[in-house]
C-alpha atoms as a PDB file:
ATOM      1  CA  MET A   1     -11.922  38.815 123.549  1.00  0.00           C
ATOM      2  CA  PHE A   2      -8.755  39.950 125.227  1.00  0.00           C
ATOM      3  CA  GLY A   3      -5.385  38.503 126.149  1.00  0.00           C
ATOM      4  CA  LEU A   4      -2.396  38.513 128.445  1.00  0.00           C
ATOM      5  CA  SER A   5       0.833  40.424 128.207  1.00  0.00           C
ATOM      6  CA  ASN A   6       4.213  38.968 129.125  1.00  0.00           C
ATOM      7  CA  LYS A   7       5.953  42.312 129.014  1.00  0.00           C
ATOM      8  CA  GLY A   8       8.129  42.946 132.017  1.00  0.00           C
ATOM      9  CA  LYS A   9       8.319  39.265 132.935  1.00  0.00           C
ATOM     10  CA  PRO A  10      11.407  38.756 135.129  1.00  0.00           C
ATOM     11  CA  GLU A  11      14.048  36.269 134.091  1.00  0.00           C
ATOM     12  CA  ALA A  12      14.470  35.078 137.666  1.00  0.00           C
ATOM     13  CA  VAL A  13      12.407  35.427 140.806  1.00  0.00           C
ATOM     14  CA  SER A  14      13.980  35.681 144.250  1.00  0.00           C
ATOM     15  CA  MET A  15      12.099  33.682 146.897  1.00  0.00           C
ATOM     16  CA  LYS A  16      12.535  33.927 150.627  1.00  0.00           C
ATOM     17  CA  SER A  17      12.428  30.790 152.751  1.00  0.00           C
ATOM     18  CA  ALA A  18       9.263  30.277 154.744  1.00  0.00           C
ATOM     19  CA  ALA A  19      10.471  27.288 156.761  1.00  0.00           C
ATOM     20  CA  THR A  20       9.677  29.006 160.047  1.00  0.00           C
ATOM     21  CA  LEU A  21       6.397  30.389 158.718  1.00  0.00           C
ATOM     22  CA  MET A  22       4.912  27.014 157.869  1.00  0.00           C
ATOM     23  CA  PRO A  23       6.551  24.152 159.743  1.00  0.00           C
ATOM     24  CA  GLU A  24       5.832  20.642 158.518  1.00  0.00           C
ATOM     25  CA  ALA A  25       3.377  19.261 161.062  1.00  0.00           C
ATOM     26  CA  TRP A  26       3.261  15.711 159.725  1.00  0.00           C
ATOM     27  CA  ARG A  27       3.986  13.543 156.702  1.00  0.00           C
ATOM     28  CA  ALA A  28       2.244  10.388 155.478  1.00  0.00           C
ATOM     29  CA  GLU A  29       2.031   8.224 152.365  1.00  0.00           C
ATOM     30  CA  VAL A  30      -0.704   6.674 150.252  1.00  0.00           C
ATOM     31  CA  GLU A  31      -0.296   3.829 147.769  1.00  0.00           C
ATOM     32  CA  ASP A  32      -0.146   5.832 144.524  1.00  0.00           C
ATOM     33  CA  HIS A  33       0.044   9.412 143.347  1.00  0.00           C
ATOM     34  CA  VAL A  34      -2.345  11.793 145.067  1.00  0.00           C
ATOM     35  CA  LEU A  35      -5.332  12.725 142.893  1.00  0.00           C
ATOM     36  CA  ASP A  36      -7.100  14.897 145.436  1.00  0.00           C
ATOM     37  CA  LEU A  37      -7.257  16.011 149.054  1.00  0.00           C
ATOM     38  CA  ARG A  38     -10.482  17.078 150.753  1.00  0.00           C
ATOM     39  CA  TRP A  39     -11.105  18.427 154.263  1.00  0.00           C
ATOM     40  CA  SER A  40     -14.266  17.574 156.158  1.00  0.00           C
ATOM     41  CA  PRO A  41     -16.408  20.698 156.667  1.00  0.00           C
ATOM     42  CA  ASP A  42     -15.463  20.880 160.353  1.00  0.00           C
ATOM     43  CA  GLY A  43     -11.745  20.573 159.565  1.00  0.00           C
ATOM     44  CA  THR A  44     -11.156  17.541 161.781  1.00  0.00           C
ATOM     45  CA  MET A  45     -10.529  15.030 158.973  1.00  0.00           C
ATOM     46  CA  LEU A  46      -8.562  15.009 155.728  1.00  0.00           C
ATOM     47  CA  ALA A  47      -9.409  12.514 152.976  1.00  0.00           C
ATOM     48  CA  ALA A  48      -6.555  11.593 150.633  1.00  0.00           C
ATOM     49  CA  LEU A  49      -7.457  10.070 147.274  1.00  0.00           C
ATOM     50  CA  PRO A  50      -4.718   8.090 145.493  1.00  0.00           C
ATOM     51  CA  SER A  51      -5.014   6.992 141.893  1.00  0.00           C
ATOM     52  CA  LEU A  52      -4.902   3.363 143.054  1.00  0.00           C
ATOM     53  CA  GLY A  53      -5.230   1.814 146.487  1.00  0.00           C
ATOM     54  CA  SER A  54      -7.026   2.627 149.709  1.00  0.00           C
ATOM     55  CA  ILE A  55      -8.551   6.045 150.316  1.00  0.00           C
ATOM     56  CA  VAL A  56      -7.057   7.243 153.595  1.00  0.00           C
ATOM     57  CA  ILE A  57      -8.783   9.403 156.219  1.00  0.00           C
ATOM     58  CA  TYR A  58      -6.387  11.326 158.448  1.00  0.00           C
ATOM     59  CA  GLN A  59      -7.110  13.065 161.699  1.00  0.00           C
ATOM     60  CA  HIS A  60      -5.853  16.632 162.018  1.00  0.00           C
ATOM     61  CA  ASP A  61      -2.829  15.378 163.995  1.00  0.00           C
ATOM     62  CA  GLY A  62      -1.862  12.945 161.227  1.00  0.00           C
ATOM     63  CA  GLY A  63      -3.250   9.796 162.789  1.00  0.00           C
ATOM     64  CA  VAL A  64      -4.991   7.402 160.400  1.00  0.00           C
ATOM     65  CA  LEU A  65      -8.693   7.253 161.219  1.00  0.00           C
ATOM     66  CA  ALA A  66      -9.693   4.876 158.419  1.00  0.00           C
ATOM     67  CA  ARG A  67      -8.574   3.206 155.204  1.00  0.00           C
ATOM     68  CA  LEU A  68     -11.490   2.933 152.822  1.00  0.00           C
ATOM     69  CA  PRO A  69     -11.570   0.279 150.082  1.00  0.00           C
ATOM     70  CA  ALA A  70     -10.197   1.189 146.682  1.00  0.00           C
ATOM     71  CA  HIS A  71     -12.453   1.223 143.636  1.00  0.00           C
ATOM     72  CA  ALA A  72     -11.860  -1.504 141.073  1.00  0.00           C
ATOM     73  CA  GLY A  73     -10.023  -0.133 138.047  1.00  0.00           C
ATOM     74  CA  GLY A  74      -8.884   2.986 139.895  1.00  0.00           C
ATOM     75  CA  ASN A  75     -10.258   5.751 142.083  1.00  0.00           C
ATOM     76  CA  GLY A  76     -11.977   8.769 140.582  1.00  0.00           C
ATOM     77  CA  ALA A  77     -13.232  11.330 143.092  1.00  0.00           C
ATOM     78  CA  ILE A  78     -14.127  12.070 146.701  1.00  0.00           C
ATOM     79  CA  ALA A  79     -16.586  14.610 148.133  1.00  0.00           C
ATOM     80  CA  TRP A  80     -17.628  15.388 151.704  1.00  0.00           C
ATOM     81  CA  HIS A  81     -21.298  16.032 152.338  1.00  0.00           C
ATOM     82  CA  PRO A  82     -21.680  19.767 153.082  1.00  0.00           C
ATOM     83  CA  LYS A  83     -23.791  19.213 156.221  1.00  0.00           C
ATOM     84  CA  LYS A  84     -23.486  15.590 157.362  1.00  0.00           C
ATOM     85  CA  PRO A  85     -20.481  13.508 158.544  1.00  0.00           C
ATOM     86  CA  LEU A  86     -20.513  11.578 155.267  1.00  0.00           C
ATOM     87  CA  LEU A  87     -17.916  11.028 152.552  1.00  0.00           C
ATOM     88  CA  ALA A  88     -18.814   9.964 149.001  1.00  0.00           C
ATOM     89  CA  THR A  89     -16.202   8.102 146.962  1.00  0.00           C
ATOM     90  CA  TYR A  90     -16.366   7.226 143.276  1.00  0.00           C
ATOM     91  CA  GLY A  91     -14.267   5.181 140.900  1.00  0.00           C
ATOM     92  CA  HIS A  92     -13.882   3.630 137.475  1.00  0.00           C
ATOM     93  CA  ASP A  93     -16.094   0.739 138.575  1.00  0.00           C
ATOM     94  CA  SER A  94     -18.962   3.278 138.302  1.00  0.00           C
ATOM     95  CA  THR A  95     -19.783   2.684 141.961  1.00  0.00           C
ATOM     96  CA  VAL A  96     -20.746   5.484 144.330  1.00  0.00           C
ATOM     97  CA  ARG A  97     -20.085   4.699 147.997  1.00  0.00           C
ATOM     98  CA  PHE A  98     -21.421   6.616 150.977  1.00  0.00           C
ATOM     99  CA  HIS A  99     -19.150   6.252 154.014  1.00  0.00           C
ATOM    100  CA  ALA A 100     -20.606   7.494 157.304  1.00  0.00           C
ATOM    101  CA  THR A 101     -18.133   8.624 159.940  1.00  0.00           C
ATOM    102  CA  PRO A 102     -16.521   7.278 162.075  1.00  0.00           C
ATOM    103  CA  PHE A 103     -16.234   4.688 159.252  1.00  0.00           C
ATOM    104  CA  ARG A 104     -17.063   1.640 161.380  1.00  0.00           C
ATOM    105  CA  ASP A 105     -19.902   0.384 159.182  1.00  0.00           C
ATOM    106  CA  ALA A 106     -19.796  -0.917 155.635  1.00  0.00           C
ATOM    107  CA  PRO A 107     -20.524   1.785 153.046  1.00  0.00           C
ATOM    108  CA  THR A 108     -23.774   2.080 151.147  1.00  0.00           C
ATOM    109  CA  GLU A 109     -23.142   1.403 147.433  1.00  0.00           C
ATOM    110  CA  PHE A 110     -24.917   2.515 144.262  1.00  0.00           C
ATOM    111  CA  VAL A 111     -23.766   1.164 140.901  1.00  0.00           C
ATOM    112  CA  LEU A 112     -24.258   3.260 137.773  1.00  0.00           C
ATOM    113  CA  GLU A 113     -23.778   2.072 134.196  1.00  0.00           C
ATOM    114  CA  LYS A 114     -20.285   1.200 133.032  1.00  0.00           C
ATOM    115  CA  GLY A 115     -18.110   3.878 131.472  1.00  0.00           C
ATOM    116  CA  TRP A 116     -15.435   6.460 132.262  1.00  0.00           C
ATOM    117  CA  ALA A 117     -16.389   7.575 135.761  1.00  0.00           C
ATOM    118  CA  ASP A 118     -14.317  10.134 137.668  1.00  0.00           C
ATOM    119  CA  ARG A 119     -16.392  13.138 138.807  1.00  0.00           C
ATOM    120  CA  ILE A 120     -18.871  13.532 141.668  1.00  0.00           C
ATOM    121  CA  ALA A 121     -20.150  16.659 143.415  1.00  0.00           C
ATOM    122  CA  TRP A 122     -22.751  17.500 146.070  1.00  0.00           C
ATOM    123  CA  ASN A 123     -25.093  20.415 145.523  1.00  0.00           C
ATOM    124  CA  GLN A 124     -25.078  23.273 148.042  1.00  0.00           C
ATOM    125  CA  ASP A 125     -27.428  21.726 150.614  1.00  0.00           C
ATOM    126  CA  GLY A 126     -26.389  18.103 150.127  1.00  0.00           C
ATOM    127  CA  THR A 127     -29.745  16.880 148.840  1.00  0.00           C
ATOM    128  CA  LEU A 128     -28.368  15.899 145.414  1.00  0.00           C
ATOM    129  CA  LEU A 129     -25.205  14.217 144.205  1.00  0.00           C
ATOM    130  CA  ALA A 130     -24.029  14.504 140.601  1.00  0.00           C
ATOM    131  CA  ALA A 131     -21.880  11.811 138.990  1.00  0.00           C
ATOM    132  CA  THR A 132     -20.462  11.499 135.476  1.00  0.00           C
ATOM    133  CA  VAL A 133     -20.224   8.350 133.373  1.00  0.00           C
ATOM    134  CA  GLY A 134     -18.797   8.904 129.912  1.00  0.00           C
ATOM    135  CA  LYS A 135     -21.042  11.352 128.061  1.00  0.00           C
ATOM    136  CA  LYS A 136     -23.799  11.178 130.673  1.00  0.00           C
ATOM    137  CA  LEU A 137     -24.474  13.189 133.806  1.00  0.00           C
ATOM    138  CA  PHE A 138     -26.442  11.443 136.551  1.00  0.00           C
ATOM    139  CA  ILE A 139     -28.302  13.208 139.368  1.00  0.00           C
ATOM    140  CA  LEU A 140     -28.806  11.046 142.468  1.00  0.00           C
ATOM    141  CA  ASN A 141     -31.020  11.450 145.506  1.00  0.00           C
ATOM    142  CA  ALA A 142     -28.572  11.909 148.371  1.00  0.00           C
ATOM    143  CA  ASP A 143     -30.647   9.851 150.815  1.00  0.00           C
ATOM    144  CA  SER A 144     -31.662   6.865 148.723  1.00  0.00           C
ATOM    145  CA  GLY A 145     -29.018   6.919 145.978  1.00  0.00           C
ATOM    146  CA  ALA A 146     -31.795   6.607 143.411  1.00  0.00           C
ATOM    147  CA  VAL A 147     -31.081   8.142 140.007  1.00  0.00           C
ATOM    148  CA  LEU A 148     -33.469  11.074 139.655  1.00  0.00           C
ATOM    149  CA  GLN A 149     -32.345  12.196 136.211  1.00  0.00           C
ATOM    150  CA  THR A 150     -29.849  11.477 133.452  1.00  0.00           C
ATOM    151  CA  MET A 151     -28.535  14.250 131.213  1.00  0.00           C
ATOM    152  CA  PRO A 152     -27.116  12.443 128.138  1.00  0.00           C
ATOM    153  CA  ASP A 153     -26.779  15.357 125.736  1.00  0.00           C
ATOM    154  CA  HIS A 154     -22.973  15.690 125.623  1.00  0.00           C
ATOM    155  CA  LYS A 155     -20.727  15.723 122.599  1.00  0.00           C
ATOM    156  CA  SER A 156     -17.900  13.793 124.273  1.00  0.00           C
ATOM    157  CA  THR A 157     -16.848  12.394 127.647  1.00  0.00           C
ATOM    158  CA  ILE A 158     -17.646  14.892 130.399  1.00  0.00           C
ATOM    159  CA  CYS A 159     -14.437  16.416 131.756  1.00  0.00           C
ATOM    160  CA  ASP A 160     -15.744  18.274 134.803  1.00  0.00           C
ATOM    161  CA  ILE A 161     -18.872  19.431 136.654  1.00  0.00           C
ATOM    162  CA  ALA A 162     -19.729  22.221 139.112  1.00  0.00           C
ATOM    163  CA  TRP A 163     -22.917  23.123 140.975  1.00  0.00           C
ATOM    164  CA  ASN A 164     -24.112  26.706 141.273  1.00  0.00           C
ATOM    165  CA  PRO A 165     -23.256  27.489 144.933  1.00  0.00           C
ATOM    166  CA  CYS A 166     -26.304  29.767 145.211  1.00  0.00           C
ATOM    167  CA  MET A 167     -28.910  27.638 143.398  1.00  0.00           C
ATOM    168  CA  LYS A 168     -29.285  24.055 144.561  1.00  0.00           C
ATOM    169  CA  ASN A 169     -30.839  22.849 141.284  1.00  0.00           C
ATOM    170  CA  GLN A 170     -28.331  24.275 138.753  1.00  0.00           C
ATOM    171  CA  ILE A 171     -25.222  22.463 137.552  1.00  0.00           C
ATOM    172  CA  THR A 172     -22.700  23.011 134.753  1.00  0.00           C
ATOM    173  CA  SER A 173     -20.922  20.274 132.804  1.00  0.00           C
ATOM    174  CA  VAL A 174     -18.052  20.684 130.339  1.00  0.00           C
ATOM    175  CA  CYS A 175     -16.712  18.598 127.482  1.00  0.00           C
ATOM    176  CA  ASP A 176     -15.743  18.992 123.831  1.00  0.00           C
ATOM    177  CA  GLY A 177     -18.172  21.651 122.698  1.00  0.00           C
ATOM    178  CA  GLY A 178     -17.953  23.928 125.715  1.00  0.00           C
ATOM    179  CA  ALA A 179     -20.273  24.187 128.716  1.00  0.00           C
ATOM    180  CA  ARG A 180     -23.856  23.154 129.334  1.00  0.00           C
ATOM    181  CA  MET A 181     -25.933  24.589 132.178  1.00  0.00           C
ATOM    182  CA  TRP A 182     -28.730  22.416 133.539  1.00  0.00           C
ATOM    183  CA  ARG A 183     -31.686  22.757 135.891  1.00  0.00           C
ATOM    184  CA  VAL A 184     -32.544  19.537 137.651  1.00  0.00           C
ATOM    185  CA  GLY A 185     -35.888  18.300 136.398  1.00  0.00           C
ATOM    186  CA  GLU A 186     -35.552  19.824 132.934  1.00  0.00           C
ATOM    187  CA  ALA A 187     -34.752  17.595 129.951  1.00  0.00           C
ATOM    188  CA  LYS A 188     -32.495  20.027 128.095  1.00  0.00           C
ATOM    189  CA  PRO A 189     -29.840  22.521 129.191  1.00  0.00           C
ATOM    190  CA  PHE A 190     -31.142  26.031 129.744  1.00  0.00           C
ATOM    191  CA  ALA A 191     -27.865  27.418 128.340  1.00  0.00           C
ATOM    192  CA  HIS A 192     -25.094  26.070 126.117  1.00  0.00           C
ATOM    193  CA  PHE A 193     -21.852  27.924 125.542  1.00  0.00           C
ATOM    194  CA  ASP A 194     -19.898  26.391 122.677  1.00  0.00           C
ATOM    195  CA  TRP A 195     -16.504  28.039 122.328  1.00  0.00           C
ATOM    196  CA  GLY A 196     -15.602  25.903 119.327  1.00  0.00           C
ATOM    197  CA  GLY A 197     -13.300  23.629 121.308  1.00  0.00           C
ATOM    198  CA  ALA A 198     -13.004  21.451 124.386  1.00  0.00           C
ATOM    199  CA  SER A 199     -13.463  22.761 127.912  1.00  0.00           C
ATOM    200  CA  LEU A 200     -11.494  20.787 130.527  1.00  0.00           C
ATOM    201  CA  ILE A 201     -12.349  22.286 133.915  1.00  0.00           C
ATOM    202  CA  VAL A 202     -15.201  24.413 135.236  1.00  0.00           C
ATOM    203  CA  THR A 203     -15.917  26.467 138.336  1.00  0.00           C
ATOM    204  CA  TRP A 204     -18.651  28.761 139.669  1.00  0.00           C
ATOM    205  CA  SER A 205     -17.732  31.842 141.656  1.00  0.00           C
ATOM    206  CA  PRO A 206     -18.818  31.563 145.327  1.00  0.00           C
ATOM    207  CA  ASP A 207     -21.417  34.313 144.784  1.00  0.00           C
ATOM    208  CA  GLY A 208     -22.906  32.504 141.768  1.00  0.00           C
ATOM    209  CA  ARG A 209     -22.190  35.348 139.330  1.00  0.00           C
ATOM    210  CA  TRP A 210     -19.539  33.742 137.112  1.00  0.00           C
ATOM    211  CA  VAL A 211     -19.275  30.402 135.345  1.00  0.00           C
ATOM    212  CA  VAL A 212     -15.667  29.899 134.237  1.00  0.00           C
ATOM    213  CA  THR A 213     -14.200  27.213 131.996  1.00  0.00           C
ATOM    214  CA  GLY A 214     -10.547  26.373 131.405  1.00  0.00           C
ATOM    215  CA  ASP A 215     -10.032  25.186 127.861  1.00  0.00           C
ATOM    216  CA  GLN A 216      -7.893  22.917 125.718  1.00  0.00           C
ATOM    217  CA  THR A 217      -6.836  25.994 123.823  1.00  0.00           C
ATOM    218  CA  PRO A 218      -4.696  28.244 126.056  1.00  0.00           C
ATOM    219  CA  SER A 219      -7.683  30.276 127.204  1.00  0.00           C
ATOM    220  CA  VAL A 220     -10.359  30.879 129.812  1.00  0.00           C
ATOM    221  CA  HIS A 221     -14.020  31.618 129.153  1.00  0.00           C
ATOM    222  CA  LEU A 222     -16.160  33.477 131.667  1.00  0.00           C
ATOM    223  CA  TYR A 223     -19.918  33.889 131.554  1.00  0.00           C
ATOM    224  CA  ASP A 224     -21.495  36.623 133.634  1.00  0.00           C
ATOM    225  CA  VAL A 225     -24.782  35.020 134.638  1.00  0.00           C
ATOM    226  CA  LYS A 226     -26.320  38.311 135.815  1.00  0.00           C
ATOM    227  CA  ARG A 227     -25.527  40.188 132.598  1.00  0.00           C
ATOM    228  CA  ARG A 228     -25.730  37.108 130.351  1.00  0.00           C
ATOM    229  CA  HIS A 229     -22.445  38.251 128.892  1.00  0.00           C
ATOM    230  CA  PRO A 230     -19.518  36.019 127.781  1.00  0.00           C
ATOM    231  CA  LEU A 231     -15.820  36.904 128.023  1.00  0.00           C
ATOM    232  CA  HIS A 232     -12.856  35.183 126.409  1.00  0.00           C
ATOM    233  CA  ILE A 233      -9.326  35.489 127.828  1.00  0.00           C
ATOM    234  CA  GLN A 234      -6.527  34.038 125.738  1.00  0.00           C
ATOM    235  CA  GLY A 235      -2.747  34.183 125.656  1.00  0.00           C
ATOM    236  CA  TYR A 236      -1.811  31.587 128.279  1.00  0.00           C
ATOM    237  CA  GLU A 237       1.283  29.419 127.794  1.00  0.00           C
ATOM    238  CA  THR A 238      -0.600  26.115 127.947  1.00  0.00           C
ATOM    239  CA  LYS A 239      -4.087  24.705 128.361  1.00  0.00           C
ATOM    240  CA  MET A 240      -5.702  25.606 131.667  1.00  0.00           C
ATOM    241  CA  LYS A 241      -4.817  23.223 134.512  1.00  0.00           C
ATOM    242  CA  THR A 242      -6.072  24.893 137.651  1.00  0.00           C
ATOM    243  CA  MET A 243      -8.300  27.720 138.890  1.00  0.00           C
ATOM    244  CA  ALA A 244      -9.104  29.068 142.362  1.00  0.00           C
ATOM    245  CA  TRP A 245     -11.526  31.668 143.697  1.00  0.00           C
ATOM    246  CA  GLN A 246     -10.889  34.077 146.522  1.00  0.00           C
ATOM    247  CA  SER A 247     -13.680  33.373 149.039  1.00  0.00           C
ATOM    248  CA  ASP A 248     -15.418  36.715 148.453  1.00  0.00           C
ATOM    249  CA  SER A 249     -15.500  36.114 144.655  1.00  0.00           C
ATOM    250  CA  ALA A 250     -13.485  39.283 144.083  1.00  0.00           C
ATOM    251  CA  TRP A 251     -10.505  37.548 142.414  1.00  0.00           C
ATOM    252  CA  LEU A 252     -10.001  34.483 140.226  1.00  0.00           C
ATOM    253  CA  ALA A 253      -6.574  32.850 140.010  1.00  0.00           C
ATOM    254  CA  THR A 254      -5.840  30.934 136.795  1.00  0.00           C
ATOM    255  CA  GLY A 255      -2.911  28.666 135.957  1.00  0.00           C
ATOM    256  CA  GLY A 256      -2.036  27.956 132.351  1.00  0.00           C
ATOM    257  CA  GLY A 257       1.748  27.533 132.296  1.00  0.00           C
ATOM    258  CA  LYS A 258       4.465  28.606 134.736  1.00  0.00           C
ATOM    259  CA  SER A 259       2.846  31.938 135.573  1.00  0.00           C
ATOM    260  CA  ILE A 260      -0.323  32.518 137.591  1.00  0.00           C
ATOM    261  CA  THR A 261      -2.754  35.221 136.477  1.00  0.00           C
ATOM    262  CA  VAL A 262      -5.219  36.684 138.982  1.00  0.00           C
ATOM    263  CA  TRP A 263      -8.226  38.514 137.540  1.00  0.00           C
ATOM    264  CA  PRO A 264     -10.486  41.030 139.301  1.00  0.00           C
ATOM    265  CA  CYS A 265     -14.120  39.925 139.062  1.00  0.00           C
ATOM    266  CA  THR A 266     -16.020  42.763 140.713  1.00  0.00           C
ATOM    267  CA  GLY A 267     -17.737  45.789 139.217  1.00  0.00           C
ATOM    268  CA  LYS A 268     -20.087  45.854 136.276  1.00  0.00           C
ATOM    269  CA  LYS A 269     -17.658  44.340 133.748  1.00  0.00           C
ATOM    270  CA  GLY A 270     -15.485  42.168 135.965  1.00  0.00           C
ATOM    271  CA  PRO A 271     -12.168  41.333 134.271  1.00  0.00           C
ATOM    272  CA  GLU A 272     -13.159  42.875 130.933  1.00  0.00           C
ATOM    273  CA  GLY A 273     -10.732  45.698 130.164  1.00  0.00           C
ATOM    274  CA  SER A 274      -8.950  45.329 133.507  1.00  0.00           C
ATOM    275  CA  LYS A 275      -5.289  44.641 134.249  1.00  0.00           C
ATOM    276  CA  PRO A 276      -4.655  41.330 136.011  1.00  0.00           C
ATOM    277  CA  ILE A 277      -2.039  40.510 138.614  1.00  0.00           C
ATOM    278  CA  GLN A 278       0.626  38.240 137.115  1.00  0.00           C
ATOM    279  CA  LEU A 279       2.712  36.074 139.431  1.00  0.00           C
ATOM    280  CA  PHE A 280       6.025  34.537 138.346  1.00  0.00           C
ATOM    281  CA  GLY A 281       7.837  31.993 140.480  1.00  0.00           C
ATOM    282  CA  HIS A 282       7.233  28.462 139.260  1.00  0.00           C
ATOM    283  CA  LEU A 283       9.869  26.834 137.056  1.00  0.00           C
ATOM    284  CA  GLY A 284       7.347  24.315 135.723  1.00  0.00           C
ATOM    285  CA  ASP A 285       3.608  24.487 135.072  1.00  0.00           C
ATOM    286  CA  ALA A 286       1.416  25.429 138.037  1.00  0.00           C
ATOM    287  CA  VAL A 287      -1.026  22.523 138.366  1.00  0.00           C
ATOM    288  CA  CYS A 288      -2.899  23.127 141.642  1.00  0.00           C
ATOM    289  CA  MET A 289      -3.912  26.192 143.661  1.00  0.00           C
ATOM    290  CA  ASP A 290      -6.124  27.151 146.579  1.00  0.00           C
ATOM    291  CA  PHE A 291      -7.051  30.424 148.284  1.00  0.00           C
ATOM    292  CA  ALA A 292      -7.244  30.519 152.068  1.00  0.00           C
ATOM    293  CA  PRO A 293     -10.868  30.585 153.265  1.00  0.00           C
ATOM    294  CA  LYS A 294     -10.675  33.836 155.205  1.00  0.00           C
ATOM    295  CA  GLN A 295      -7.570  35.623 153.982  1.00  0.00           C
ATOM    296  CA  PRO A 296      -6.284  36.743 150.551  1.00  0.00           C
ATOM    297  CA  LEU A 297      -3.506  34.140 150.607  1.00  0.00           C
ATOM    298  CA  LEU A 298      -2.916  31.849 147.642  1.00  0.00           C
ATOM    299  CA  VAL A 299      -0.879  28.649 147.702  1.00  0.00           C
ATOM    300  CA  SER A 300       0.222  26.965 144.474  1.00  0.00           C
ATOM    301  CA  GLY A 301       1.941  23.715 143.558  1.00  0.00           C
ATOM    302  CA  GLY A 302       3.793  22.946 140.350  1.00  0.00           C
ATOM    303  CA  ARG A 303       5.370  20.274 138.239  1.00  0.00           C
ATOM    304  CA  ASP A 304       8.678  21.706 139.427  1.00  0.00           C
ATOM    305  CA  GLY A 305       8.005  20.375 142.939  1.00  0.00           C
ATOM    306  CA  LEU A 306       7.727  23.898 144.345  1.00  0.00           C
ATOM    307  CA  LEU A 307       5.022  24.879 146.805  1.00  0.00           C
ATOM    308  CA  LEU A 308       4.668  28.656 146.853  1.00  0.00           C
ATOM    309  CA  LEU A 309       2.723  31.046 149.068  1.00  0.00           C
ATOM    310  CA  TRP A 310       1.503  34.317 147.586  1.00  0.00           C
ATOM    311  CA  MET A 311      -0.013  37.523 148.888  1.00  0.00           C
ATOM    312  CA  PRO A 312      -1.066  38.652 145.403  1.00  0.00           C
ATOM    313  CA  HIS A 313      -2.567  41.982 146.503  1.00  0.00           C
ATOM    314  CA  ARG A 314       0.561  43.038 148.393  1.00  0.00           C
ATOM    315  CA  ALA A 315       3.552  41.508 146.593  1.00  0.00           C
ATOM    316  CA  ASP A 316       4.338  39.716 143.333  1.00  0.00           C
ATOM    317  CA  SER A 317       7.142  37.593 144.833  1.00  0.00           C
ATOM    318  CA  PRO A 318       6.254  34.304 146.542  1.00  0.00           C
ATOM    319  CA  ALA A 319       7.518  32.638 149.675  1.00  0.00           C
ATOM    320  CA  LEU A 320       8.973  29.190 149.064  1.00  0.00           C
ATOM    321  CA  ILE A 321       7.094  26.895 151.422  1.00  0.00           C
ATOM    322  CA  SER A 322       8.376  23.504 150.350  1.00  0.00           C
ATOM    323  CA  GLN A 323      10.471  21.965 147.596  1.00  0.00           C
ATOM    324  CA  ARG A 324       9.971  18.318 146.662  1.00  0.00           C
ATOM    325  CA  ASN A 325      11.649  16.158 144.073  1.00  0.00           C
ATOM    326  CA  ASN A 326       8.301  15.342 142.449  1.00  0.00           C
ATOM    327  CA  GLU A 327       5.250  17.165 141.129  1.00  0.00           C
ATOM    328  CA  ILE A 328       2.832  18.699 143.608  1.00  0.00           C
ATOM    329  CA  THR A 329      -0.542  17.277 142.544  1.00  0.00           C
ATOM    330  CA  ALA A 330      -3.029  18.646 145.094  1.00  0.00           C
ATOM    331  CA  VAL A 331      -3.231  21.384 147.712  1.00  0.00           C
ATOM    332  CA  ARG A 332      -6.080  22.297 150.106  1.00  0.00           C
ATOM    333  CA  TRP A 333      -6.411  24.886 152.846  1.00  0.00           C
ATOM    334  CA  GLY A 334      -8.187  23.678 155.959  1.00  0.00           C
ATOM    335  CA  PRO A 335     -11.461  25.435 156.808  1.00  0.00           C
ATOM    336  CA  ASP A 336      -9.951  26.838 160.033  1.00  0.00           C
ATOM    337  CA  ASN A 337      -7.412  28.849 158.002  1.00  0.00           C
ATOM    338  CA  ALA A 338      -4.607  27.552 160.231  1.00  0.00           C
ATOM    339  CA  ALA A 339      -3.155  24.780 158.078  1.00  0.00           C
ATOM    340  CA  PHE A 340      -3.148  23.298 154.615  1.00  0.00           C
ATOM    341  CA  ALA A 341      -2.333  19.917 153.133  1.00  0.00           C
ATOM    342  CA  PHE A 342      -0.604  19.005 149.913  1.00  0.00           C
ATOM    343  CA  GLY A 343       0.143  15.793 148.029  1.00  0.00           C
ATOM    344  CA  THR A 344       2.658  14.636 145.421  1.00  0.00           C
ATOM    345  CA  GLU A 345       2.805  12.320 142.447  1.00  0.00           C
ATOM    346  CA  THR A 346       4.748   9.765 144.530  1.00  0.00           C
ATOM    347  CA  GLY A 347       1.995   9.478 147.136  1.00  0.00           C
ATOM    348  CA  GLU A 348       3.339  11.780 149.842  1.00  0.00           C
ATOM    349  CA  VAL A 349       0.856  13.749 151.944  1.00  0.00           C
ATOM    350  CA  PHE A 350       1.970  16.680 154.112  1.00  0.00           C
ATOM    351  CA  LEU A 351       0.296  19.033 156.546  1.00  0.00           C
ATOM    352  CA  LEU A 352       1.790  22.495 157.040  1.00  0.00           C
ATOM    353  CA  LYS A 353       0.673  24.789 159.844  1.00  0.00           C
ATOM    354  CA  VAL A 354       0.249  28.481 159.270  1.00  0.00           C
ATOM    355  CA  SER A 355       1.594  31.055 161.690  1.00  0.00           C
ATOM    356  CA  LEU A 356       0.830  34.554 160.453  1.00  0.00           C
ATOM    357  CA  ARG A 357       1.376  37.726 162.434  1.00  0.00           C
END
């Protein structure tokens, strides 16, 4: 167990304008606050998920390609198939819909049992889709939509799920009582990490080495799968709201409060005993982050309406990319590394182009 230090924290952070660095390419609106944004794997389409109302598919130039029907009771999640031109949507009606591009045909629907339903995720090769309903985790066949397995052994409503990016049959779920790691086809979890509290979000490192949970207590738990060794990092300002991996798995950015803490995750012990990079710039809690796919660039959005660009390995001061009057709720780099999109609590969606020299 180890913690963070706030020593040397500046009282104010000077930020240079990046208006010429990232010009606003286009702006659009959805019907309610933006829950999520997801790029298609080829980078030609952006799906915007509002809390209520139609799910909108934008072309890269900002044109509206399609408006997909809202889910009754509210939208929950969206996920692009990793290999096919297919978008899965999910909502509080417990209905999974498969929408095939170019979205001219009616979607294929699969209805699960009623309950709190707001998480879906494809496995690495797109053969399986996981969906949560209350305390249960369902595994669906990606072709037929048939339920292959139900994992009901959860202490409370499942908060988040994440597939192992290197093993197509392993998935982690989190709830009150920590994290459970499952192998598809097995009736019980092959590992259970109970930290004595609720875990809210979970992520796997891209190389499959680390399972990381962000917790209700102001802390992060990491489990080194190779060493079978747990780590506990505490000392954050608030409960964990967002995490992001650098694409090579070398660094993990965590947001629990106004500051962002970036941990090194290489070497035998990873972050254990190491000194993290601490980034100060937000005036309100950082609530969303994303690393660029091919460069060590981190973008973060906060409740303060600030969108900040960081080069955490070169400087601890951010560039101010955009300032809105409302919370930034989602941010996603495009797979081509040349643009990223962000959304706000009032339903605005923006695309910013990157011009780096």
